[in-house]
């Protein structure tokens, strides 16, 4: 990384990963339940569940996605655009609680993380990213994660792949809306 690249680095993705880590610490050390169950939980948990996680692996996966793709996305947009994309995608992903997960709890930043990945992929499709550890253009990264999430929907388990896909759809729409925008200056 060149010195001027470091000077232009935006810290929103890093700040968000720190916040998510702190919330997880509060969950663990103070036994705070922030997950949301449709039609049963207080409505504020619809929002708090975005910042909470079901375990360390869940947290670390989201931290990786947000730190990697969010940092790249911020360099092309802005810290505010990063936060907006994350929150819109995460909230849209949480709507799956009312359609697919009425009998279970939802928790995690995965929908927001997938929204950031999708927004970056649509906004800057030739940007290099990582797909399952392999460098690839973002359009290919998005395709691989769409495929793995659709495959996950058919496989069951505790992962809310439907929420990931809702996050991808909302992020892709945000990225599409930005397609004709010039890149943000690095000042």
N, C-alpha and C. Protein backbone atom coordinates (compact mmCIF):
# COMPACT_ATOMS: atom_id res chain seq x y z
N UNK A 1 0.85 -1.17 0.00
CA UNK A 1 0.00 0.00 0.00
C UNK A 1 0.89 1.24 0.00
N UNK A 2 0.65 2.14 -0.92
CA UNK A 2 1.42 3.37 -1.00
C UNK A 2 1.00 4.32 0.12
N UNK A 3 1.91 5.22 0.48
CA UNK A 3 1.63 6.16 1.57
C UNK A 3 0.38 7.00 1.30
N UNK A 4 0.22 7.45 0.04
CA UNK A 4 -0.97 8.27 -0.27
C UNK A 4 -2.26 7.44 -0.18
N UNK A 5 -2.16 6.13 -0.43
CA UNK A 5 -3.34 5.28 -0.27
C UNK A 5 -3.75 5.22 1.20
N UNK A 6 -2.76 5.11 2.08
CA UNK A 6 -3.04 5.06 3.51
C UNK A 6 -3.63 6.39 3.99
N UNK A 7 -3.13 7.48 3.45
CA UNK A 7 -3.65 8.79 3.83
C UNK A 7 -5.10 8.97 3.37
N UNK A 8 -5.48 8.32 2.28
CA UNK A 8 -6.84 8.43 1.74
C UNK A 8 -7.79 7.39 2.33
N UNK A 9 -7.26 6.50 3.14
CA UNK A 9 -8.08 5.43 3.70
C UNK A 9 -9.19 6.02 4.56
N UNK A 10 -10.37 5.50 4.38
CA UNK A 10 -11.51 5.90 5.21
C UNK A 10 -11.72 4.82 6.27
N UNK A 11 -12.10 5.21 7.42
CA UNK A 11 -12.10 4.30 8.57
C UNK A 11 -13.50 3.82 8.96
N UNK A 12 -14.53 4.10 8.18
CA UNK A 12 -15.89 3.70 8.54
C UNK A 12 -16.05 2.20 8.73
N UNK A 13 -15.50 1.41 7.83
CA UNK A 13 -15.63 -0.05 7.95
C UNK A 13 -14.91 -0.56 9.20
N UNK A 14 -13.77 0.02 9.49
CA UNK A 14 -13.02 -0.38 10.69
C UNK A 14 -13.81 0.03 11.94
N UNK A 15 -14.38 1.22 11.93
CA UNK A 15 -15.19 1.68 13.07
C UNK A 15 -16.40 0.76 13.29
N UNK A 16 -17.04 0.37 12.18
CA UNK A 16 -18.20 -0.52 12.31
C UNK A 16 -17.79 -1.87 12.86
N UNK A 17 -16.66 -2.41 12.41
CA UNK A 17 -16.22 -3.71 12.95
C UNK A 17 -15.90 -3.58 14.44
N UNK A 18 -15.35 -2.45 14.85
CA UNK A 18 -15.08 -2.23 16.28
C UNK A 18 -16.40 -2.19 17.07
N UNK A 19 -17.39 -1.48 16.52
CA UNK A 19 -18.70 -1.41 17.18
C UNK A 19 -19.33 -2.81 17.30
N UNK A 20 -19.30 -3.57 16.22
CA UNK A 20 -19.87 -4.92 16.26
C UNK A 20 -19.15 -5.79 17.29
N UNK A 21 -17.84 -5.64 17.39
CA UNK A 21 -17.07 -6.40 18.38
C UNK A 21 -17.45 -5.99 19.80
N UNK A 22 -17.63 -4.69 20.02
CA UNK A 22 -18.03 -4.21 21.35
C UNK A 22 -19.43 -4.72 21.72
N UNK A 23 -20.35 -4.68 20.77
CA UNK A 23 -21.71 -5.18 21.04
C UNK A 23 -21.65 -6.66 21.38
N UNK A 24 -20.84 -7.43 20.66
CA UNK A 24 -20.71 -8.85 20.97
C UNK A 24 -20.14 -9.04 22.38
N UNK A 25 -19.17 -8.21 22.74
CA UNK A 25 -18.64 -8.28 24.10
C UNK A 25 -19.71 -8.02 25.14
N UNK A 26 -20.56 -7.03 24.91
CA UNK A 26 -21.67 -6.74 25.82
C UNK A 26 -22.62 -7.93 25.89
N UNK A 27 -22.91 -8.54 24.73
CA UNK A 27 -23.77 -9.72 24.71
C UNK A 27 -23.21 -10.82 25.61
N UNK A 28 -21.93 -11.09 25.48
CA UNK A 28 -21.28 -12.19 26.20
C UNK A 28 -21.14 -11.88 27.69
N UNK A 29 -20.55 -10.72 27.98
CA UNK A 29 -20.21 -10.43 29.38
C UNK A 29 -21.40 -10.03 30.23
N UNK A 30 -22.42 -9.46 29.61
CA UNK A 30 -23.59 -9.02 30.38
C UNK A 30 -24.84 -9.83 30.05
N UNK A 31 -24.68 -10.87 29.25
CA UNK A 31 -25.77 -11.77 28.87
C UNK A 31 -26.99 -10.99 28.35
N UNK A 32 -26.74 -10.11 27.39
CA UNK A 32 -27.78 -9.27 26.80
C UNK A 32 -28.29 -9.95 25.54
N UNK A 33 -29.58 -10.10 25.43
CA UNK A 33 -30.21 -10.72 24.25
C UNK A 33 -30.73 -9.63 23.32
N UNK A 34 -30.16 -9.55 22.12
CA UNK A 34 -30.53 -8.51 21.17
C UNK A 34 -31.18 -9.07 19.90
N UNK A 35 -31.35 -10.38 19.82
CA UNK A 35 -31.95 -11.00 18.64
C UNK A 35 -33.42 -10.61 18.52
N UNK A 36 -33.94 -10.73 17.32
CA UNK A 36 -35.32 -10.32 17.03
C UNK A 36 -36.14 -11.52 16.57
N UNK A 37 -37.33 -11.65 17.13
CA UNK A 37 -38.30 -12.66 16.69
C UNK A 37 -39.56 -11.92 16.24
N UNK A 38 -39.92 -12.13 14.99
CA UNK A 38 -41.07 -11.41 14.41
C UNK A 38 -42.32 -11.64 15.23
N UNK A 39 -43.07 -10.59 15.40
CA UNK A 39 -44.37 -10.59 16.07
C UNK A 39 -44.31 -10.88 17.56
N UNK A 40 -43.08 -11.06 18.13
CA UNK A 40 -42.96 -11.33 19.56
C UNK A 40 -42.02 -10.38 20.28
N UNK A 41 -40.88 -10.10 19.68
CA UNK A 41 -39.87 -9.25 20.32
C UNK A 41 -40.30 -7.79 20.31
N UNK A 42 -39.79 -7.01 21.26
CA UNK A 42 -40.02 -5.57 21.17
C UNK A 42 -39.43 -5.06 19.84
N UNK A 43 -40.06 -4.05 19.28
CA UNK A 43 -39.67 -3.61 17.93
C UNK A 43 -38.24 -3.08 17.87
N UNK A 44 -37.71 -2.53 18.97
CA UNK A 44 -36.35 -2.01 18.96
C UNK A 44 -35.33 -3.11 18.66
N UNK A 45 -35.69 -4.37 18.94
CA UNK A 45 -34.77 -5.47 18.65
C UNK A 45 -34.66 -5.75 17.15
N UNK A 46 -35.63 -5.26 16.36
CA UNK A 46 -35.50 -5.35 14.91
C UNK A 46 -34.23 -4.63 14.47
N UNK A 47 -33.88 -3.55 15.17
CA UNK A 47 -32.69 -2.76 14.87
C UNK A 47 -31.46 -3.29 15.61
N UNK A 48 -31.61 -3.63 16.88
CA UNK A 48 -30.45 -4.09 17.66
C UNK A 48 -29.89 -5.40 17.14
N UNK A 49 -30.74 -6.24 16.57
CA UNK A 49 -30.28 -7.54 16.08
C UNK A 49 -29.24 -7.42 14.97
N UNK A 50 -29.23 -6.29 14.28
CA UNK A 50 -28.25 -6.06 13.20
C UNK A 50 -26.84 -6.00 13.78
N UNK A 51 -26.69 -5.52 14.99
CA UNK A 51 -25.37 -5.30 15.58
C UNK A 51 -24.94 -6.45 16.49
N UNK A 52 -25.81 -7.42 16.71
CA UNK A 52 -25.52 -8.56 17.58
C UNK A 52 -25.15 -9.77 16.73
N UNK A 53 -24.58 -10.79 17.36
CA UNK A 53 -24.18 -12.00 16.64
C UNK A 53 -24.42 -13.24 17.49
N UNK A 54 -24.57 -14.37 16.81
CA UNK A 54 -24.90 -15.61 17.48
C UNK A 54 -23.70 -16.35 18.05
N UNK A 55 -22.49 -15.94 17.73
CA UNK A 55 -21.29 -16.59 18.23
C UNK A 55 -20.05 -15.99 17.59
N UNK A 56 -18.88 -16.40 18.08
CA UNK A 56 -17.64 -15.82 17.56
C UNK A 56 -17.42 -16.05 16.06
N UNK A 57 -17.73 -17.23 15.56
CA UNK A 57 -17.54 -17.50 14.13
C UNK A 57 -18.44 -16.60 13.28
N UNK A 58 -19.68 -16.44 13.70
CA UNK A 58 -20.63 -15.56 13.02
C UNK A 58 -20.08 -14.13 12.99
N UNK A 59 -19.62 -13.68 14.13
CA UNK A 59 -19.05 -12.33 14.23
C UNK A 59 -17.84 -12.19 13.31
N UNK A 60 -16.89 -13.11 13.38
CA UNK A 60 -15.65 -12.99 12.61
C UNK A 60 -15.90 -13.02 11.11
N UNK A 61 -16.85 -13.84 10.67
CA UNK A 61 -17.19 -13.86 9.24
C UNK A 61 -17.70 -12.49 8.79
N UNK A 62 -18.57 -11.89 9.59
CA UNK A 62 -19.10 -10.57 9.23
C UNK A 62 -18.03 -9.48 9.33
N UNK A 63 -17.17 -9.58 10.33
CA UNK A 63 -16.09 -8.60 10.45
C UNK A 63 -15.18 -8.65 9.22
N UNK A 64 -14.88 -9.86 8.75
CA UNK A 64 -14.04 -10.01 7.56
C UNK A 64 -14.69 -9.36 6.34
N UNK A 65 -15.96 -9.70 6.09
CA UNK A 65 -16.68 -9.16 4.94
C UNK A 65 -16.77 -7.63 5.01
N UNK A 66 -17.11 -7.12 6.17
CA UNK A 66 -17.29 -5.67 6.31
C UNK A 66 -15.94 -4.95 6.19
N UNK A 67 -14.92 -5.47 6.84
CA UNK A 67 -13.60 -4.82 6.78
C UNK A 67 -13.06 -4.84 5.35
N UNK A 68 -13.13 -5.98 4.68
CA UNK A 68 -12.58 -6.09 3.33
C UNK A 68 -13.39 -5.29 2.32
N UNK A 69 -14.64 -5.70 2.12
CA UNK A 69 -15.45 -5.08 1.07
C UNK A 69 -15.88 -3.66 1.45
N UNK A 70 -16.11 -3.42 2.74
CA UNK A 70 -16.50 -2.09 3.18
C UNK A 70 -15.38 -1.07 2.98
N UNK A 71 -14.14 -1.46 3.27
CA UNK A 71 -13.02 -0.55 3.07
C UNK A 71 -12.84 -0.19 1.60
N UNK A 72 -12.98 -1.17 0.74
CA UNK A 72 -12.87 -0.91 -0.70
C UNK A 72 -14.02 -0.02 -1.15
N UNK A 73 -15.23 -0.35 -0.69
CA UNK A 73 -16.42 0.43 -1.06
C UNK A 73 -16.28 1.89 -0.63
N UNK A 74 -15.79 2.11 0.57
CA UNK A 74 -15.59 3.47 1.08
C UNK A 74 -14.61 4.25 0.23
N UNK A 75 -13.56 3.60 -0.26
CA UNK A 75 -12.58 4.30 -1.09
C UNK A 75 -13.21 4.80 -2.39
N UNK A 76 -14.22 4.11 -2.86
CA UNK A 76 -14.91 4.51 -4.09
C UNK A 76 -16.08 5.45 -3.84
N UNK A 77 -16.57 5.48 -2.61
CA UNK A 77 -17.75 6.30 -2.31
C UNK A 77 -17.40 7.28 -1.19
N UNK A 78 -17.91 7.02 -0.01
CA UNK A 78 -17.61 7.84 1.17
C UNK A 78 -17.98 7.04 2.41
N UNK A 79 -17.55 7.54 3.55
CA UNK A 79 -17.90 6.87 4.80
C UNK A 79 -19.41 6.91 5.03
N UNK A 80 -20.03 8.03 4.73
CA UNK A 80 -21.49 8.15 4.90
C UNK A 80 -22.21 7.18 3.97
N UNK A 81 -21.79 7.09 2.72
CA UNK A 81 -22.41 6.16 1.77
C UNK A 81 -22.25 4.72 2.24
N UNK A 82 -21.09 4.40 2.81
CA UNK A 82 -20.85 3.07 3.37
C UNK A 82 -21.87 2.77 4.47
N UNK A 83 -22.01 3.69 5.43
CA UNK A 83 -22.95 3.47 6.53
C UNK A 83 -24.39 3.35 6.01
N UNK A 84 -24.76 4.21 5.09
CA UNK A 84 -26.12 4.14 4.54
C UNK A 84 -26.36 2.80 3.86
N UNK A 85 -25.42 2.36 3.06
CA UNK A 85 -25.57 1.08 2.35
C UNK A 85 -25.68 -0.06 3.34
N UNK A 86 -24.84 -0.06 4.36
CA UNK A 86 -24.90 -1.12 5.37
C UNK A 86 -26.26 -1.14 6.06
N UNK A 87 -26.70 0.02 6.55
CA UNK A 87 -27.95 0.06 7.32
C UNK A 87 -29.17 -0.28 6.46
N UNK A 88 -29.25 0.27 5.25
CA UNK A 88 -30.38 -0.04 4.38
C UNK A 88 -30.42 -1.53 4.06
N UNK A 89 -29.27 -2.09 3.70
CA UNK A 89 -29.22 -3.52 3.37
C UNK A 89 -29.54 -4.40 4.57
N UNK A 90 -29.00 -4.04 5.73
CA UNK A 90 -29.26 -4.83 6.94
C UNK A 90 -30.73 -4.78 7.34
N UNK A 91 -31.34 -3.61 7.26
CA UNK A 91 -32.76 -3.49 7.61
C UNK A 91 -33.64 -4.23 6.60
N UNK A 92 -33.30 -4.12 5.33
CA UNK A 92 -34.05 -4.86 4.30
C UNK A 92 -33.91 -6.36 4.53
N UNK A 93 -32.70 -6.80 4.89
CA UNK A 93 -32.48 -8.22 5.18
C UNK A 93 -33.29 -8.68 6.39
N UNK A 94 -33.44 -7.81 7.38
CA UNK A 94 -34.21 -8.17 8.57
C UNK A 94 -35.70 -8.34 8.28
N UNK A 95 -36.17 -7.81 7.17
CA UNK A 95 -37.57 -8.03 6.81
C UNK A 95 -37.88 -9.51 6.59
N UNK A 96 -36.84 -10.31 6.33
CA UNK A 96 -37.07 -11.75 6.14
C UNK A 96 -37.65 -12.39 7.40
N UNK A 97 -37.48 -11.74 8.54
CA UNK A 97 -38.05 -12.27 9.79
C UNK A 97 -39.56 -12.45 9.67
N UNK A 98 -40.20 -11.58 8.89
CA UNK A 98 -41.65 -11.61 8.77
C UNK A 98 -42.14 -12.62 7.72
N UNK A 99 -41.23 -13.09 6.88
CA UNK A 99 -41.62 -14.01 5.79
C UNK A 99 -41.08 -15.42 5.98
N UNK A 100 -39.83 -15.53 6.40
CA UNK A 100 -39.17 -16.84 6.43
C UNK A 100 -38.85 -17.34 7.84
N UNK A 101 -38.77 -16.43 8.81
CA UNK A 101 -38.29 -16.83 10.13
C UNK A 101 -39.23 -16.43 11.25
N UNK A 102 -40.52 -16.60 11.03
CA UNK A 102 -41.50 -16.18 12.03
C UNK A 102 -41.41 -16.99 13.32
N UNK A 103 -40.84 -18.19 13.26
CA UNK A 103 -40.74 -19.04 14.45
C UNK A 103 -39.34 -19.08 15.04
N UNK A 104 -38.45 -18.23 14.56
CA UNK A 104 -37.09 -18.24 15.08
C UNK A 104 -36.57 -16.81 15.21
N UNK A 105 -35.41 -16.69 15.82
CA UNK A 105 -34.79 -15.39 16.02
C UNK A 105 -33.82 -15.09 14.88
N UNK A 106 -33.70 -13.81 14.53
CA UNK A 106 -32.68 -13.39 13.57
C UNK A 106 -31.68 -12.51 14.31
N UNK A 107 -30.44 -12.60 13.88
CA UNK A 107 -29.38 -11.85 14.52
C UNK A 107 -28.20 -11.77 13.55
N UNK A 108 -27.54 -10.62 13.52
CA UNK A 108 -26.31 -10.51 12.76
C UNK A 108 -26.30 -9.41 11.71
N UNK A 109 -25.09 -9.08 11.30
CA UNK A 109 -24.84 -8.02 10.32
C UNK A 109 -24.67 -8.57 8.91
N UNK A 110 -24.97 -9.85 8.70
CA UNK A 110 -24.71 -10.49 7.41
C UNK A 110 -25.45 -9.84 6.25
N UNK A 111 -26.69 -9.46 6.45
CA UNK A 111 -27.44 -8.80 5.39
C UNK A 111 -26.80 -7.49 4.97
N UNK A 112 -26.32 -6.73 5.94
CA UNK A 112 -25.61 -5.48 5.64
C UNK A 112 -24.28 -5.74 4.95
N UNK A 113 -23.57 -6.77 5.41
CA UNK A 113 -22.28 -7.12 4.79
C UNK A 113 -22.48 -7.55 3.34
N UNK A 114 -23.51 -8.36 3.10
CA UNK A 114 -23.79 -8.79 1.72
C UNK A 114 -24.26 -7.61 0.87
N UNK A 115 -24.96 -6.67 1.47
CA UNK A 115 -25.38 -5.47 0.73
C UNK A 115 -24.18 -4.65 0.30
N UNK A 116 -23.18 -4.52 1.16
CA UNK A 116 -21.96 -3.79 0.80
C UNK A 116 -21.24 -4.49 -0.35
N UNK A 117 -21.11 -5.81 -0.23
CA UNK A 117 -20.48 -6.59 -1.31
C UNK A 117 -21.21 -6.39 -2.63
N UNK A 118 -22.53 -6.45 -2.61
CA UNK A 118 -23.32 -6.30 -3.84
C UNK A 118 -23.23 -4.89 -4.39
N UNK A 119 -23.31 -3.89 -3.52
CA UNK A 119 -23.23 -2.50 -3.98
C UNK A 119 -21.88 -2.25 -4.66
N UNK A 120 -20.81 -2.72 -4.05
CA UNK A 120 -19.48 -2.58 -4.64
C UNK A 120 -19.40 -3.31 -5.97
N UNK A 121 -19.97 -4.51 -6.03
CA UNK A 121 -19.92 -5.33 -7.25
C UNK A 121 -20.64 -4.68 -8.41
N UNK A 122 -21.75 -4.05 -8.14
CA UNK A 122 -22.53 -3.41 -9.20
C UNK A 122 -21.94 -2.05 -9.56
N UNK A 123 -21.49 -1.32 -8.55
CA UNK A 123 -20.93 0.01 -8.77
C UNK A 123 -19.56 -0.06 -9.47
N UNK A 124 -18.72 -0.97 -9.04
CA UNK A 124 -17.38 -1.12 -9.61
C UNK A 124 -17.12 -2.60 -9.90
N UNK A 125 -17.75 -3.15 -10.95
CA UNK A 125 -17.69 -4.59 -11.21
C UNK A 125 -16.30 -5.13 -11.52
N UNK A 126 -15.39 -4.31 -11.99
CA UNK A 126 -14.04 -4.79 -12.33
C UNK A 126 -13.03 -4.60 -11.21
N UNK A 127 -13.47 -4.05 -10.09
CA UNK A 127 -12.62 -3.93 -8.90
C UNK A 127 -12.24 -5.34 -8.45
N UNK A 128 -11.01 -5.55 -8.04
CA UNK A 128 -10.59 -6.86 -7.55
C UNK A 128 -11.07 -7.07 -6.13
N UNK A 129 -11.62 -8.24 -5.88
CA UNK A 129 -12.06 -8.63 -4.54
C UNK A 129 -11.65 -10.06 -4.28
N UNK A 130 -12.21 -10.67 -3.26
CA UNK A 130 -11.92 -12.07 -2.93
C UNK A 130 -13.21 -12.87 -2.93
N UNK A 131 -13.16 -14.02 -3.59
CA UNK A 131 -14.27 -14.97 -3.57
C UNK A 131 -13.74 -16.28 -3.04
N UNK A 132 -14.12 -16.62 -1.82
CA UNK A 132 -13.67 -17.85 -1.18
C UNK A 132 -12.14 -17.91 -1.14
N UNK A 133 -11.52 -16.74 -0.91
CA UNK A 133 -10.07 -16.65 -0.80
C UNK A 133 -9.32 -16.48 -2.11
N UNK A 134 -10.02 -16.41 -3.21
CA UNK A 134 -9.38 -16.30 -4.53
C UNK A 134 -9.64 -14.90 -5.09
N UNK A 135 -8.58 -14.17 -5.50
CA UNK A 135 -8.80 -12.86 -6.11
C UNK A 135 -9.62 -12.99 -7.40
N UNK A 136 -10.59 -12.11 -7.54
CA UNK A 136 -11.48 -12.14 -8.72
C UNK A 136 -12.11 -10.77 -8.88
N UNK A 137 -12.58 -10.44 -10.10
CA UNK A 137 -13.33 -9.19 -10.25
C UNK A 137 -14.61 -9.27 -9.42
N UNK A 138 -15.08 -8.12 -8.96
CA UNK A 138 -16.23 -8.09 -8.08
C UNK A 138 -17.49 -8.69 -8.71
N UNK A 139 -17.66 -8.58 -10.02
CA UNK A 139 -18.84 -9.20 -10.64
C UNK A 139 -18.82 -10.71 -10.43
N UNK A 140 -17.62 -11.30 -10.47
CA UNK A 140 -17.50 -12.75 -10.24
C UNK A 140 -17.68 -13.08 -8.76
N UNK A 141 -17.15 -12.23 -7.90
CA UNK A 141 -17.31 -12.41 -6.45
C UNK A 141 -18.80 -12.43 -6.11
N UNK A 142 -19.53 -11.47 -6.64
CA UNK A 142 -20.97 -11.41 -6.39
C UNK A 142 -21.67 -12.66 -6.90
N UNK A 143 -21.33 -13.09 -8.10
CA UNK A 143 -21.94 -14.31 -8.65
C UNK A 143 -21.71 -15.52 -7.78
N UNK A 144 -20.51 -15.66 -7.27
CA UNK A 144 -20.18 -16.81 -6.42
C UNK A 144 -20.98 -16.76 -5.12
N UNK A 145 -21.09 -15.58 -4.51
CA UNK A 145 -21.84 -15.48 -3.26
C UNK A 145 -23.35 -15.60 -3.46
N UNK A 146 -23.84 -15.16 -4.59
CA UNK A 146 -25.25 -15.40 -4.90
C UNK A 146 -25.49 -16.90 -5.01
N UNK A 147 -24.62 -17.58 -5.75
CA UNK A 147 -24.76 -19.04 -5.92
C UNK A 147 -24.69 -19.76 -4.58
N UNK A 148 -23.69 -19.42 -3.74
CA UNK A 148 -23.56 -20.13 -2.46
C UNK A 148 -24.75 -19.85 -1.54
N UNK A 149 -25.32 -18.67 -1.61
CA UNK A 149 -26.49 -18.38 -0.78
C UNK A 149 -27.73 -19.08 -1.28
N UNK A 150 -27.91 -19.16 -2.60
CA UNK A 150 -29.05 -19.93 -3.12
C UNK A 150 -28.89 -21.42 -2.77
N UNK A 151 -27.67 -21.91 -2.86
CA UNK A 151 -27.42 -23.31 -2.47
C UNK A 151 -27.71 -23.51 -0.99
N UNK A 152 -27.37 -22.52 -0.17
CA UNK A 152 -27.63 -22.60 1.26
C UNK A 152 -29.11 -22.62 1.60
N UNK A 153 -29.91 -21.90 0.82
CA UNK A 153 -31.36 -21.87 1.06
C UNK A 153 -31.93 -23.29 0.97
N UNK A 154 -31.42 -24.06 0.04
CA UNK A 154 -31.94 -25.42 -0.16
C UNK A 154 -31.37 -26.40 0.85
N UNK A 155 -30.30 -26.00 1.56
CA UNK A 155 -29.63 -26.93 2.46
C UNK A 155 -30.07 -26.88 3.90
N UNK A 156 -30.80 -25.88 4.30
CA UNK A 156 -31.23 -25.78 5.70
C UNK A 156 -30.12 -25.27 6.60
N UNK A 157 -30.22 -25.55 7.89
CA UNK A 157 -29.23 -25.10 8.85
C UNK A 157 -29.69 -23.85 9.57
N UNK A 158 -28.76 -23.25 10.32
CA UNK A 158 -29.08 -22.08 11.13
C UNK A 158 -28.73 -20.76 10.46
N UNK A 159 -28.24 -20.80 9.25
CA UNK A 159 -27.86 -19.56 8.56
C UNK A 159 -29.06 -19.02 7.79
N UNK A 160 -29.28 -17.72 7.92
CA UNK A 160 -30.42 -17.07 7.26
C UNK A 160 -30.01 -16.63 5.84
N UNK A 161 -29.88 -17.60 4.95
CA UNK A 161 -29.46 -17.30 3.58
C UNK A 161 -30.44 -16.37 2.88
N UNK A 162 -31.70 -16.48 3.25
CA UNK A 162 -32.70 -15.57 2.66
C UNK A 162 -32.40 -14.13 3.03
N UNK A 163 -31.96 -13.90 4.25
CA UNK A 163 -31.58 -12.55 4.68
C UNK A 163 -30.36 -12.07 3.89
N UNK A 164 -29.41 -12.97 3.67
CA UNK A 164 -28.24 -12.61 2.85
C UNK A 164 -28.69 -12.17 1.46
N UNK A 165 -29.60 -12.92 0.88
CA UNK A 165 -30.07 -12.61 -0.47
C UNK A 165 -30.84 -11.29 -0.51
N UNK A 166 -31.63 -11.01 0.53
CA UNK A 166 -32.32 -9.71 0.61
C UNK A 166 -31.29 -8.58 0.71
N UNK A 167 -30.23 -8.80 1.49
CA UNK A 167 -29.15 -7.82 1.58
C UNK A 167 -28.46 -7.61 0.25
N UNK A 168 -28.25 -8.69 -0.49
CA UNK A 168 -27.64 -8.60 -1.82
C UNK A 168 -28.51 -7.80 -2.76
N UNK A 169 -29.81 -8.06 -2.76
CA UNK A 169 -30.73 -7.34 -3.65
C UNK A 169 -30.70 -5.84 -3.34
N UNK A 170 -30.82 -5.49 -2.06
CA UNK A 170 -30.84 -4.07 -1.72
C UNK A 170 -29.50 -3.40 -2.04
N UNK A 171 -28.40 -4.07 -1.75
CA UNK A 171 -27.08 -3.52 -2.07
C UNK A 171 -26.88 -3.36 -3.56
N UNK A 172 -27.35 -4.33 -4.35
CA UNK A 172 -27.23 -4.24 -5.81
C UNK A 172 -28.02 -3.04 -6.33
N UNK A 173 -29.19 -2.81 -5.77
CA UNK A 173 -29.99 -1.65 -6.19
C UNK A 173 -29.28 -0.33 -5.85
N UNK A 174 -28.66 -0.29 -4.68
CA UNK A 174 -27.89 0.90 -4.30
C UNK A 174 -26.71 1.09 -5.25
N UNK A 175 -25.99 0.02 -5.53
CA UNK A 175 -24.86 0.10 -6.46
C UNK A 175 -25.29 0.52 -7.85
N UNK A 176 -26.43 0.02 -8.29
CA UNK A 176 -26.94 0.39 -9.61
C UNK A 176 -27.29 1.87 -9.67
N UNK A 177 -27.89 2.37 -8.60
CA UNK A 177 -28.24 3.79 -8.52
C UNK A 177 -27.00 4.67 -8.61
N UNK A 178 -25.86 4.16 -8.16
CA UNK A 178 -24.63 4.94 -8.14
C UNK A 178 -23.78 4.77 -9.40
N UNK A 179 -24.17 3.90 -10.31
CA UNK A 179 -23.33 3.56 -11.46
C UNK A 179 -22.84 4.77 -12.26
N UNK A 180 -23.64 5.79 -12.42
CA UNK A 180 -23.23 6.93 -13.23
C UNK A 180 -22.58 8.04 -12.43
N UNK A 181 -22.40 7.81 -11.14
CA UNK A 181 -21.73 8.80 -10.29
C UNK A 181 -20.22 8.73 -10.51
N UNK A 182 -19.57 9.87 -10.47
CA UNK A 182 -18.10 9.82 -10.52
C UNK A 182 -17.58 9.29 -9.18
N UNK A 183 -16.35 8.77 -9.21
CA UNK A 183 -15.75 8.33 -7.97
C UNK A 183 -15.53 9.51 -7.06
N UNK A 184 -15.60 9.26 -5.75
CA UNK A 184 -15.38 10.31 -4.77
C UNK A 184 -13.90 10.69 -4.82
N UNK A 185 -13.61 11.96 -4.72
CA UNK A 185 -12.21 12.36 -4.70
C UNK A 185 -11.58 11.89 -3.40
N UNK A 186 -10.29 11.73 -3.41
CA UNK A 186 -9.61 11.20 -2.23
C UNK A 186 -9.17 12.29 -1.26
N UNK A 187 -9.73 13.46 -1.39
CA UNK A 187 -9.35 14.55 -0.49
C UNK A 187 -10.14 14.50 0.78
